Protein backbone atom coordinates (compact mmCIF):
# COMPACT_ATOMS: atom_id res chain seq x y z
CA MET A 1 138.64 128.44 -4.22
CA GLU A 2 137.06 125.47 -2.79
CA SER A 3 136.96 124.84 1.13
CA PRO A 4 138.55 121.99 2.67
CA ASN A 5 135.11 120.72 4.26
CA ASN A 6 133.63 120.49 0.85
CA LYS A 7 136.72 118.70 -0.62
CA ILE A 8 136.32 116.58 2.60
CA GLU A 9 131.96 116.09 1.89
CA LEU A 10 132.70 115.47 -2.07
CA TYR A 11 135.20 112.72 -0.80
CA GLU A 12 133.15 110.77 1.31
CA ASN A 13 130.34 111.00 -0.91
CA TYR A 14 132.87 109.68 -3.59
CA LYS A 15 133.98 106.92 -1.33
CA LYS A 16 130.18 105.93 -0.96
CA ILE A 17 129.84 105.75 -4.61
CA VAL A 18 132.86 103.43 -4.71
CA SER A 19 131.97 101.02 -1.96
CA TYR A 20 128.64 100.70 -3.26
CA GLY A 21 129.78 99.84 -6.52
CA GLN A 22 132.26 97.13 -5.49
CA SER A 23 129.53 95.76 -3.56
CA PRO A 24 129.04 91.84 -3.61
CA GLU A 25 125.15 92.76 -4.54
CA VAL A 26 126.05 95.48 -7.32
CA LEU A 27 129.03 92.88 -8.89
CA LYS A 28 126.20 90.25 -9.35
CA ALA A 29 124.11 92.56 -10.92
CA PHE A 30 126.58 93.87 -13.31
CA ARG A 31 128.33 90.25 -13.81
CA ASP A 32 124.80 88.46 -14.72
CA ILE A 33 124.35 91.35 -17.84
CA LEU A 34 128.49 91.49 -18.85
CA GLY A 35 129.53 88.17 -16.72
CA HIS A 36 133.42 88.47 -16.61
CA GLU A 37 133.39 92.33 -18.14
CA ALA A 38 131.76 93.75 -14.85
CA PRO A 39 134.31 94.75 -12.68
CA ALA A 40 136.07 96.96 -15.52
CA PHE A 41 132.26 97.96 -16.48
CA ILE A 42 132.12 99.36 -13.14
CA GLN A 43 135.08 100.91 -12.90
CA SER A 44 134.23 102.72 -16.20
CA ALA A 45 131.58 104.15 -14.12
CA ILE A 46 133.75 105.27 -11.39
CA THR A 47 136.26 106.88 -13.54
CA ALA A 48 133.45 108.89 -14.46
CA VAL A 49 132.69 110.05 -11.10
CA LYS A 50 136.11 110.87 -10.54
CA MET A 51 136.32 113.17 -13.25
CA ASP A 52 132.84 115.18 -12.62
CA GLU A 53 132.65 116.88 -9.00
CA ARG A 54 128.45 116.96 -9.68
CA LEU A 55 128.42 113.05 -10.46
CA GLN A 56 130.33 112.91 -6.78
CA GLN A 57 127.50 114.46 -4.96
CA CYS A 58 125.01 112.43 -6.30
CA SER A 59 123.51 109.26 -4.63
CA PRO A 60 125.33 106.01 -5.04
CA ARG A 61 122.47 103.89 -5.93
CA SER A 62 121.73 106.26 -8.72
CA ILE A 63 124.94 106.40 -10.32
CA PHE A 64 125.11 102.61 -10.56
CA ASN A 65 121.20 102.20 -11.60
CA SER A 66 122.38 104.72 -14.62
CA ALA A 67 125.72 102.53 -15.11
CA LEU A 68 123.44 99.28 -15.32
CA ARG A 69 121.11 100.74 -18.33
CA ALA A 70 124.18 101.36 -19.97
CA ALA A 71 125.60 98.10 -19.33
CA THR A 72 122.17 96.67 -20.76
CA LEU A 73 123.09 98.58 -23.73
CA ARG A 74 126.93 97.60 -23.41
CA LEU A 75 127.68 100.78 -23.95
CA SER A 76 131.06 102.25 -22.01
CA CYS A 77 130.27 105.11 -19.43
CA ASP A 78 133.48 106.42 -19.42
CA PRO A 79 133.73 110.11 -21.07
CA ALA A 80 136.62 109.22 -22.86
CA ILE A 81 134.96 106.86 -25.09
CA GLY A 82 131.20 108.76 -25.85
CA HIS A 83 129.38 105.96 -25.86
CA ALA A 84 127.03 106.69 -22.74
CA TYR A 85 126.77 109.55 -20.25
CA LEU A 86 126.06 109.90 -16.33
CA ILE A 87 124.41 113.13 -16.12
CA PRO A 88 124.05 114.77 -12.68
CA TYR A 89 120.44 116.84 -11.94
CA ASN A 90 119.12 118.23 -8.87
CA ASN A 91 115.57 115.88 -8.19
CA LYS A 92 113.77 118.22 -5.92
CA GLY A 93 116.59 119.06 -3.46
CA LYS A 94 118.48 115.65 -4.13
CA MET A 95 121.50 115.23 -6.21
CA GLU A 96 120.87 111.86 -8.40
CA ALA A 97 122.58 110.56 -12.17
CA GLN A 98 120.58 109.99 -14.97
CA PHE A 99 121.64 107.87 -18.07
CA GLN A 100 122.14 109.29 -21.22
CA VAL A 101 123.68 107.63 -24.52
CA GLY A 102 125.88 109.76 -26.67
CA TRP A 103 125.56 109.65 -30.52
CA LYS A 104 128.91 107.23 -30.79
CA GLY A 105 126.80 104.82 -28.33
CA VAL A 106 123.96 105.01 -31.02
CA GLN A 107 126.49 104.39 -33.90
CA HIS A 108 128.17 101.32 -31.75
CA MET A 109 124.54 100.21 -31.65
CA ALA A 110 124.15 99.75 -34.91
CA LEU A 111 127.06 99.08 -36.41
CA ARG A 112 127.77 95.76 -33.81
CA THR A 113 124.28 94.29 -35.44
CA GLY A 114 126.32 92.91 -38.61
CA LYS A 115 124.02 95.09 -41.37
CA TYR A 116 125.88 98.35 -42.23
CA GLN A 117 129.33 98.72 -43.93
CA TYR A 118 129.44 102.28 -42.66
CA ILE A 119 127.48 105.02 -40.51
CA ASN A 120 128.94 108.58 -40.55
CA VAL A 121 127.89 112.27 -39.45
CA SER A 122 128.85 115.18 -41.10
CA LYS A 123 128.92 119.07 -40.83
CA VAL A 124 127.59 120.77 -44.11
CA TYR A 125 129.20 124.41 -44.57
CA ASP A 126 128.07 127.99 -45.22
CA GLY A 127 128.25 127.84 -49.23
CA GLU A 128 127.52 124.12 -49.69
CA GLU A 129 124.03 122.93 -50.71
CA VAL A 130 122.83 119.24 -50.56
CA VAL A 131 120.97 118.35 -53.47
CA GLU A 132 118.84 115.15 -53.88
CA ASP A 133 118.89 113.00 -56.72
CA ARG A 134 115.30 113.16 -58.06
CA ILE A 135 115.74 109.75 -59.48
CA THR A 136 117.78 107.96 -56.71
CA GLY A 137 116.93 110.01 -53.97
CA GLU A 138 120.95 110.06 -53.04
CA LEU A 139 121.95 112.68 -51.83
CA ARG A 140 125.30 114.58 -52.29
CA ILE A 141 127.01 118.00 -51.72
CA THR A 142 127.72 120.74 -54.03
CA GLY A 143 129.87 124.12 -53.96
CA GLN A 144 132.42 125.60 -51.92
CA MET A 145 132.09 126.46 -48.45
CA LYS A 146 132.65 130.16 -47.75
CA SER A 147 135.53 131.73 -45.54
CA PRO A 148 134.99 132.12 -42.43
CA LYS A 149 134.46 128.08 -42.21
CA ARG A 150 130.76 128.08 -40.56
CA ASP A 151 128.63 125.04 -40.38
CA ILE A 152 125.08 125.14 -40.64
CA GLY A 153 123.52 121.77 -40.47
CA LEU A 154 124.43 118.28 -40.55
CA ILE A 155 124.19 115.10 -43.36
CA ALA A 156 123.98 111.36 -41.74
CA SER A 157 124.65 108.82 -43.73
CA PHE A 158 124.78 104.68 -43.68
CA GLY A 159 125.38 101.78 -46.32
CA LEU A 160 124.37 97.96 -45.16
CA THR A 161 126.10 95.25 -46.46
CA ASN A 162 123.12 94.35 -49.04
CA GLY A 163 124.06 97.65 -51.30
CA TYR A 164 120.99 99.73 -49.83
CA HIS A 165 122.40 103.37 -48.87
CA LYS A 166 120.04 106.33 -47.55
CA SER A 167 121.66 110.09 -46.42
CA ILE A 168 119.39 113.02 -44.82
CA PHE A 169 120.63 116.15 -44.08
CA MET A 170 119.17 118.65 -41.42
CA THR A 171 119.63 122.29 -40.78
CA TYR A 172 120.94 122.96 -36.93
CA GLU A 173 117.41 125.23 -37.11
CA GLU A 174 115.57 121.95 -37.79
CA LEU A 175 117.52 120.26 -35.37
CA GLU A 176 116.40 122.68 -32.85
CA GLU A 177 112.80 122.51 -32.80
CA HIS A 178 113.08 118.30 -33.67
CA GLY A 179 114.51 118.59 -29.91
CA LYS A 180 112.15 121.32 -29.02
CA ARG A 181 109.50 119.33 -30.07
CA TYR A 182 110.40 115.46 -28.83
CA SER A 183 112.94 115.63 -26.47
CA LYS A 184 111.78 115.57 -22.50
CA SER A 185 115.33 116.88 -21.50
CA TYR A 186 115.06 119.82 -24.09
CA LYS A 187 111.66 120.61 -22.63
CA ALA A 188 112.68 120.58 -19.12
CA ASN A 189 116.10 122.93 -19.57
CA SER A 190 117.93 121.26 -17.32
CA PRO A 191 121.69 122.84 -17.17
CA GLU A 192 122.60 119.60 -17.28
CA SER A 193 121.04 118.61 -20.15
CA ILE A 194 122.75 118.07 -23.06
CA TRP A 195 120.46 120.33 -24.64
CA VAL A 196 122.17 123.18 -22.98
CA LYS A 197 125.09 121.66 -22.39
CA ASN A 198 126.61 120.41 -25.46
CA LYS A 199 124.38 121.13 -28.40
CA GLU A 200 126.72 119.84 -31.34
CA LEU A 201 126.33 115.86 -29.42
CA ALA A 202 122.29 116.64 -29.20
CA TYR A 203 122.43 117.21 -32.57
CA HIS A 204 124.63 114.59 -33.81
CA LYS A 205 122.61 112.08 -31.65
CA THR A 206 119.39 113.40 -33.16
CA ILE A 207 120.05 113.42 -37.00
CA LEU A 208 121.41 109.83 -36.30
CA LEU A 209 118.85 108.41 -34.89
CA LYS A 210 116.24 110.13 -37.01
CA LEU A 211 118.03 108.40 -39.87
CA LEU A 212 118.49 104.72 -38.28
CA ARG A 213 114.87 104.94 -36.70
CA THR A 214 113.22 105.59 -39.94
CA TYR A 215 115.42 104.02 -42.10
CA GLY A 216 117.57 101.88 -40.89
CA TYR A 217 118.15 99.14 -37.95
CA LEU A 218 118.71 98.24 -34.71
CA GLU A 219 118.02 95.56 -32.59
CA PRO A 220 114.72 95.83 -31.14
CA ALA A 221 115.25 95.54 -27.37
CA GLU A 222 118.00 98.17 -27.51
CA ALA A 223 115.58 100.56 -29.81
CA ALA A 224 112.69 99.90 -26.91
CA MET A 225 116.07 100.98 -24.24
CA LEU A 226 116.70 104.39 -26.54
CA ASP A 227 113.04 105.10 -26.95
CA GLY A 228 112.74 104.80 -22.81
CA GLU A 229 116.00 106.73 -22.41
CA GLU A 230 114.31 109.88 -20.91
CA GLU A 231 112.15 107.75 -18.44
CA ASP A 232 112.14 108.52 -14.74
CA GLU A 233 114.56 105.63 -12.98
CA GLU A 234 111.24 104.31 -11.24
CA ASN A 235 109.11 103.81 -14.71
CA ILE A 236 112.36 101.52 -15.66
CA ASP A 237 112.79 97.49 -14.42
CA LEU A 238 116.23 97.72 -14.01
CA GLU A 239 116.76 98.10 -9.97
CA LEU A 240 119.80 97.47 -7.80
CA PRO A 241 119.25 97.55 -3.58
CA SER A 242 119.19 100.67 -1.88
CA GLU A 243 122.44 101.70 -0.06
CA ASP A 244 121.41 100.04 3.62
CA LYS A 245 120.65 96.87 1.52
CA VAL A 246 124.24 95.80 0.24
CA THR A 247 127.63 94.63 1.58
CA ILE A 248 129.95 97.61 2.31
CA ILE A 249 133.46 96.45 2.32
CA ASP A 250 135.70 98.87 4.27
CA GLU A 251 137.68 101.47 2.34
CA PRO A 252 141.15 102.57 3.29
CA LYS A 253 140.65 106.05 5.43
CA PHE A 254 142.39 109.21 4.76
CA ASN A 255 143.80 112.09 6.89
CA SER A 256 144.92 114.99 4.81
CA ILE A 257 143.12 116.98 2.36
CA ALA A 258 146.32 116.13 0.31
CA GLU A 259 145.22 112.75 0.14
CA ILE A 260 141.63 113.45 -0.39
CA ASN A 261 142.83 115.31 -3.08
CA LYS A 262 145.27 112.89 -4.56
CA THR A 263 141.89 110.21 -4.72
CA LEU A 264 139.80 112.60 -6.31
CA GLY A 265 141.97 113.66 -9.17
CA TYR A 266 142.65 117.24 -7.98
CA GLU A 267 146.45 117.13 -7.65
CA ASP A 268 149.11 114.86 -8.40
CA ASP A 269 150.96 113.25 -5.63
CA ASP A 270 154.03 110.76 -5.82
CA ASP A 271 152.44 108.42 -3.39
CA ASP A 272 150.00 106.22 -5.07
CA LEU A 273 147.26 105.13 -2.04
CA SER A 274 145.31 103.00 -4.86
CA SER A 275 148.62 100.37 -5.15
CA PRO A 276 149.05 97.17 -3.13
CA LYS A 277 150.85 97.18 -0.29
CA ASN A 278 153.73 94.11 0.73
CA SER A 279 152.56 92.82 4.13
CA GLU A 280 152.51 89.05 3.11
CA LYS A 281 150.94 89.76 -0.23
CA GLU A 282 147.60 89.07 1.05
CA VAL A 283 144.18 89.67 -0.79
CA VAL A 284 142.98 92.60 1.60
CA GLU A 285 141.48 96.27 1.11
CA GLU A 286 144.43 98.54 0.87
CA LYS A 287 146.31 99.40 4.92
CA ASN A 288 146.38 102.92 5.69
CA GLU A 289 149.53 102.69 8.10
CA THR A 290 148.72 105.81 9.83
CA ASP A 291 145.68 104.24 11.13
CA GLU A 292 147.03 100.90 11.39
CA ASP A 293 145.17 100.18 15.35
CA THR A 294 142.08 101.40 14.22
CA LYS A 295 141.69 99.60 11.22
CA ALA A 296 142.92 95.97 12.85
CA LYS A 297 139.93 96.19 15.45
CA ASP A 298 137.48 96.58 12.42
CA LYS A 299 138.61 94.69 10.06
CA PRO A 300 138.83 90.42 10.08
CA LYS A 301 142.47 89.06 10.39
CA ARG A 302 144.17 86.53 8.30
CA PRO A 303 143.09 83.08 8.19
CA TYR A 304 139.98 84.75 6.86
CA ALA A 305 136.53 83.15 7.19
CA PRO A 306 135.09 81.78 3.96
CA GLU A 307 132.56 84.52 4.07
CA ASP A 308 135.39 86.93 4.67
CA LEU A 309 137.81 85.66 1.70
CA LYS A 310 135.28 85.76 -0.59
CA LYS A 311 134.58 89.48 0.35
CA ALA A 312 138.44 90.78 0.24
CA LEU A 313 138.58 88.60 -3.74
CA VAL A 314 135.32 90.77 -4.76
CA THR A 315 136.79 93.70 -3.60
CA THR A 316 140.63 92.74 -4.89
CA SER A 317 138.99 92.03 -8.44
CA THR A 318 137.69 95.70 -8.87
CA ARG A 319 141.76 96.96 -8.39
CA VAL A 320 143.84 94.45 -10.38
CA GLU A 321 144.38 93.81 -14.06
CA PRO A 322 142.68 90.73 -16.08
CA ALA A 323 144.57 87.41 -15.82
CA THR A 324 146.16 85.42 -18.64
CA ASP A 325 145.54 82.15 -19.93
CA LYS A 326 148.70 80.39 -17.89
CA ASP A 327 147.27 82.29 -14.79
CA ARG A 328 144.06 80.58 -14.99
CA GLN A 329 145.82 77.22 -15.63
CA VAL A 330 148.08 77.39 -12.65
CA LEU A 331 145.27 78.69 -9.97
CA ALA A 332 143.45 75.23 -11.46
CA ALA A 333 146.72 73.35 -10.37
CA VAL A 334 146.92 74.94 -7.30
CA LEU A 335 143.30 74.00 -6.08
CA SER A 336 143.55 70.93 -7.43
CA GLN A 337 146.77 70.08 -5.51
CA PHE A 338 145.20 71.44 -2.24
CA THR A 339 141.55 69.68 -2.76
CA GLU A 340 140.56 65.80 -2.65
CA ASN A 341 139.09 65.51 -5.87
CA ASP A 342 137.34 67.73 -8.30
CA ASP A 343 133.70 67.99 -6.70
CA GLN A 344 135.38 69.69 -3.78
CA ARG A 345 137.30 71.73 -5.82
CA HIS A 346 134.21 73.06 -7.95
CA LYS A 347 132.32 73.42 -4.82
CA ILE A 348 134.98 75.77 -3.91
CA GLN A 349 135.22 77.35 -7.15
CA LYS A 350 131.77 78.20 -6.91
CA PHE A 351 131.50 79.53 -3.67
CA LEU A 352 134.33 81.75 -4.20
CA PHE A 353 134.12 83.03 -7.84
CA GLY A 354 130.61 82.23 -8.50
CA ALA A 355 131.30 79.55 -10.76
CA GLU A 356 132.47 75.65 -10.66
CA SER A 357 134.46 76.19 -13.79
CA LEU A 358 137.24 78.57 -13.97
CA LYS A 359 136.70 78.62 -17.76
CA ASP A 360 133.32 81.14 -16.72
CA VAL A 361 135.31 83.18 -13.80
CA GLU A 362 136.25 86.10 -14.81
CA PRO A 363 139.92 87.04 -15.80
CA ARG A 364 140.08 89.99 -13.04
CA MET A 365 138.91 87.39 -10.08
CA ILE A 366 141.27 84.79 -11.61
CA THR A 367 144.15 87.59 -10.72
CA ALA A 368 142.64 88.26 -7.32
CA ALA A 369 142.82 84.78 -6.54
CA MET A 370 146.52 84.39 -7.31
CA ARG A 371 147.48 87.17 -5.10
CA TRP A 372 145.67 85.45 -2.50
CA LEU A 373 147.54 82.03 -2.85
CA ASP A 374 150.44 83.78 -4.09
CA PRO A 375 151.79 80.23 -5.48
CA GLN A 376 155.81 79.23 -5.83
CA TYR A 377 156.86 76.64 -8.02
CA ASP A 378 158.77 73.57 -6.45
CA ALA A 379 160.61 72.42 -9.54
CA ASP A 380 161.98 69.69 -7.01
CA ASN A 381 159.02 68.36 -5.48
CA LYS A 382 157.03 69.82 -9.23
CA GLU A 383 154.08 70.93 -6.94
CA TYR A 384 153.39 74.37 -6.03
CA ALA A 385 154.05 75.53 -2.21
CA VAL A 386 151.36 78.27 -0.47
CA SER A 387 151.68 79.94 3.14
CA GLU A 388 150.05 77.87 6.23
CA THR A 389 147.65 81.00 5.98
CA VAL A 390 146.71 79.56 2.73
CA ILE A 391 146.21 76.18 3.63
CA ASP A 392 143.96 76.96 6.66
CA GLU A 393 141.72 79.20 5.08
CA ILE A 394 141.37 76.03 2.19
CA GLU A 395 140.56 74.23 5.05
CA ASN A 396 138.58 76.35 6.67
CA LEU A 397 136.67 76.33 3.12
CA ILE A 398 136.49 72.27 3.06
CA ASP A 399 135.16 72.50 6.25
CA THR A 400 132.25 74.87 5.32
CA LEU A 401 131.37 73.08 2.33
């Protein structure tokens, strides 16, 4: 049974990983690649960490460097989707995360080129035989599988929109030999390698890549990323700042093993520690009411200074659902109401959201802004009302910018 101290240590590093991933610098790096989808992608990486204790031991920078490589290929890190994986490994006594594309990720990359009608990988069973037509080169499966059912290899196929199609067959022995000859992770014999942990996924990925690289099509830039997939992180031109070079936004403190268990998903609790509190509907990190006095000393108080407001909005945007088009319209109306002209409003939007036009602001940031403003429509005066605190914060923005 795992000791309480180990759980606390895991939680502390998990908290550092979350804080690093939610920092403005890391969010910007992902936003440069993914645009408004960046916060959701970062959350998928955090979800992967939450589901794997060994990833919780890894350095925050290695987690998100690996996730950034997945983002470059537009592949989700969510293990349930199977596009890409964050793999923990021991790097000279220090736990680091490494990026690895799953076979479904390779399939997804190929399909989105728009050149394929279908791509598929299927098992071939004992008793069946793969026969090649000597004239057309097409493969077909003959015979009848024996009982008990036992798979002996894989057949991978694709069809292009121009009518061309191709299939290849490899036995598991051939796939194993291919991995032994060409895969660095196979040669390393790491306990975290896909060749050790999940042979089936390794075989599927191997035959699909062989098929597509030899006979199919992948976008050149993405194919190059796949070719360098197993290179060391230092050799990859994707760099995030070190842990001490990012702006860490304070996370709530927890005072019991039960609360830490809930956060890491070890057991269910009735309390939802991630739900927003109801104190003035502020756009702030969640408060731990049992440690309120201590947090009050460390956290900025409202009305926020412009930089503090910006940080709070970034933090909130990683924890909320995307906004609707109506939310975007309301936000534009409210900001227009409390600024003198479009130029002033655009400056505020550029400072807070990173874009002058609200059309270019990611949906979750719109939701965060709506939580901050909490506008109430006054039907009699046909205008929106906000709190005095929000008005002070808007005036501070105007004076600063």
